[in-house]
Each structure stands twice: as C-alpha cells, then as structure tokens.
Amino acid sequence: MPRRSAASGAQVKLSVGVRPATRRLLRAAAAKRGLTVPEYVRRAIESRLSEKPHEGRRHKPALSGLSDPVLAELWDNELDARYDRL
C-alpha cells in the first residue's frame, strides 16, 4: 500500500533515541499534562517550531534546551556537543 505524503495531512514517524533517564522525564512530563509521550513530544516540537523571533532582539532558537527542560536533558551531554562543533 503506498504511503501518503506529509503534505496531504498524513503523519510520518520520527525516531529519536534517548537515555532511560530522559525517557522517564518525558513520561512524567506527559503524564502531568494527561498526554501520551508521542503527543507531548509532537506538541512540544510544533510549539517550538511555530515561535516567531522578536523583531530587533536576539532570540533563543525555536528548539532549545533553554526553552524546554526535557530538551535540555536530551542535548546537554558530550555526545550532542560533538555535533555543535561540526
């Protein structure tokens, strides 16, 4: 069966590897909000991507560890820092 394109409104899967401690944080954050982990992550991503920079002021990236503690846990490590140096 052919897949529908994302442009047609279909969803595509995204796989992200996280450490067990991060998974626990994600599960707790989602549960606090009455959401599943996939729904929590989807909403967090969509929210960050929809943010507009403030005119005339420096802004933090839409997706950042500064704006979301769960992302901070994911990104504040030596393995991720290697990508920052590329």
C-alpha atoms as a PDB file:
ATOM      1  CA  MET A   1       0.000   0.000   0.000  1.00  0.00           C
ATOM      2  CA  PRO A   2       1.541   3.369  -0.982  1.00  0.00           C
ATOM      3  CA  ARG A   3       2.190   5.952   1.710  1.00  0.00           C
ATOM      4  CA  ARG A   4       0.500   9.312   1.550  1.00  0.00           C
ATOM      5  CA  SER A   5       2.766  12.336   1.545  1.00  0.00           C
ATOM      6  CA  ALA A   6       3.115  14.585   4.580  1.00  0.00           C
ATOM      7  CA  ALA A   7       1.646  17.414   2.516  1.00  0.00           C
ATOM      8  CA  SER A   8      -1.664  15.554   2.362  1.00  0.00           C
ATOM      9  CA  GLY A   9      -2.003  15.752   6.153  1.00  0.00           C
ATOM     10  CA  ALA A  10      -0.653  12.296   6.873  1.00  0.00           C
ATOM     11  CA  GLN A  11       1.830  11.901   9.682  1.00  0.00           C
ATOM     12  CA  VAL A  12       5.287  10.454   9.267  1.00  0.00           C
ATOM     13  CA  LYS A  13       7.189   8.665  12.005  1.00  0.00           C
ATOM     14  CA  LEU A  14      10.284  10.164  13.591  1.00  0.00           C
ATOM     15  CA  SER A  15      12.543   8.021  15.704  1.00  0.00           C
ATOM     16  CA  VAL A  16      14.699   9.586  18.396  1.00  0.00           C
ATOM     17  CA  GLY A  17      16.965   7.672  20.726  1.00  0.00           C
ATOM     18  CA  VAL A  18      17.027   8.847  24.343  1.00  0.00           C
ATOM     19  CA  ARG A  19      18.628   7.657  27.544  1.00  0.00           C
ATOM     20  CA  PRO A  20      16.447   5.854  30.105  1.00  0.00           C
ATOM     21  CA  ALA A  21      16.550   8.872  32.436  1.00  0.00           C
ATOM     22  CA  THR A  22      15.296  11.106  29.642  1.00  0.00           C
ATOM     23  CA  ARG A  23      12.528   8.659  28.837  1.00  0.00           C
ATOM     24  CA  ARG A  24      11.412   8.801  32.468  1.00  0.00           C
ATOM     25  CA  LEU A  25      11.372  12.614  32.309  1.00  0.00           C
ATOM     26  CA  LEU A  26       9.338  12.549  29.107  1.00  0.00           C
ATOM     27  CA  ARG A  27       6.842  10.096  30.564  1.00  0.00           C
ATOM     28  CA  ALA A  28       6.444  12.168  33.725  1.00  0.00           C
ATOM     29  CA  ALA A  29       6.043  15.430  31.795  1.00  0.00           C
ATOM     30  CA  ALA A  30       3.445  13.864  29.503  1.00  0.00           C
ATOM     31  CA  ALA A  31       1.548  12.287  32.411  1.00  0.00           C
ATOM     32  CA  LYS A  32       1.389  15.633  34.246  1.00  0.00           C
ATOM     33  CA  ARG A  33      -0.431  17.022  31.235  1.00  0.00           C
ATOM     34  CA  GLY A  34      -2.644  13.980  30.629  1.00  0.00           C
ATOM     35  CA  LEU A  35      -0.910  13.229  27.317  1.00  0.00           C
ATOM     36  CA  THR A  36       0.836  10.279  25.768  1.00  0.00           C
ATOM     37  CA  VAL A  37       4.578  10.638  25.225  1.00  0.00           C
ATOM     38  CA  PRO A  38       4.187  10.895  21.414  1.00  0.00           C
ATOM     39  CA  GLU A  39       1.512  13.582  21.802  1.00  0.00           C
ATOM     40  CA  TYR A  40       3.624  15.527  24.324  1.00  0.00           C
ATOM     41  CA  VAL A  41       6.669  15.425  22.042  1.00  0.00           C
ATOM     42  CA  ARG A  42       4.596  16.330  18.957  1.00  0.00           C
ATOM     43  CA  ARG A  43       3.038  19.321  20.728  1.00  0.00           C
ATOM     44  CA  ALA A  44       6.403  20.466  22.110  1.00  0.00           C
ATOM     45  CA  ILE A  45       8.009  20.319  18.677  1.00  0.00           C
ATOM     46  CA  GLU A  46       5.118  22.049  16.933  1.00  0.00           C
ATOM     47  CA  SER A  47       5.031  24.755  19.608  1.00  0.00           C
ATOM     48  CA  ARG A  48       8.744  25.486  19.330  1.00  0.00           C
ATOM     49  CA  LEU A  49       8.724  25.496  15.545  1.00  0.00           C
ATOM     50  CA  SER A  50       5.816  27.944  15.428  1.00  0.00           C
ATOM     51  CA  GLU A  51       7.578  30.544  17.591  1.00  0.00           C
ATOM     52  CA  LYS A  52       8.487  33.742  15.787  1.00  0.00           C
ATOM     53  CA  PRO A  53      11.653  35.677  16.596  1.00  0.00           C
ATOM     54  CA  HIS A  54      11.138  39.018  18.285  1.00  0.00           C
ATOM     55  CA  GLU A  55      11.943  41.890  15.957  1.00  0.00           C
ATOM     56  CA  GLY A  56      15.117  43.712  16.817  1.00  0.00           C
ATOM     57  CA  ARG A  57      16.049  41.375  19.662  1.00  0.00           C
ATOM     58  CA  ARG A  58      18.205  38.315  19.753  1.00  0.00           C
ATOM     59  CA  HIS A  59      16.079  35.257  20.427  1.00  0.00           C
ATOM     60  CA  LYS A  60      16.754  31.721  21.519  1.00  0.00           C
ATOM     61  CA  PRO A  61      16.314  29.031  18.864  1.00  0.00           C
ATOM     62  CA  ALA A  62      12.807  27.620  18.499  1.00  0.00           C
ATOM     63  CA  LEU A  63      14.078  24.281  19.764  1.00  0.00           C
ATOM     64  CA  SER A  64      16.489  24.712  22.629  1.00  0.00           C
ATOM     65  CA  GLY A  65      17.465  23.353  25.970  1.00  0.00           C
ATOM     66  CA  LEU A  66      16.901  26.839  27.361  1.00  0.00           C
ATOM     67  CA  SER A  67      13.246  26.787  26.408  1.00  0.00           C
ATOM     68  CA  ASP A  68      12.406  23.226  27.466  1.00  0.00           C
ATOM     69  CA  PRO A  69      13.932  21.233  30.349  1.00  0.00           C
ATOM     70  CA  VAL A  70      13.237  17.934  28.605  1.00  0.00           C
ATOM     71  CA  LEU A  71      15.221  19.083  25.584  1.00  0.00           C
ATOM     72  CA  ALA A  72      17.972  20.311  27.900  1.00  0.00           C
ATOM     73  CA  GLU A  73      18.282  16.795  29.282  1.00  0.00           C
ATOM     74  CA  LEU A  74      18.481  15.422  25.753  1.00  0.00           C
ATOM     75  CA  TRP A  75      21.010  17.923  24.468  1.00  0.00           C
ATOM     76  CA  ASP A  76      23.262  18.779  27.411  1.00  0.00           C
ATOM     77  CA  ASN A  77      25.770  15.977  27.001  1.00  0.00           C
ATOM     78  CA  GLU A  78      29.143  15.340  25.399  1.00  0.00           C
ATOM     79  CA  LEU A  79      27.766  13.257  22.530  1.00  0.00           C
ATOM     80  CA  ASP A  80      25.473  16.060  21.403  1.00  0.00           C
ATOM     81  CA  ALA A  81      28.212  18.661  21.931  1.00  0.00           C
ATOM     82  CA  ARG A  82      30.210  16.911  19.205  1.00  0.00           C
ATOM     83  CA  TYR A  83      27.563  17.949  16.681  1.00  0.00           C
ATOM     84  CA  ASP A  84      27.775  21.546  17.865  1.00  0.00           C
ATOM     85  CA  ARG A  85      31.469  21.546  16.966  1.00  0.00           C
ATOM     86  CA  LEU A  86      30.939  20.327  13.384  1.00  0.00           C
END
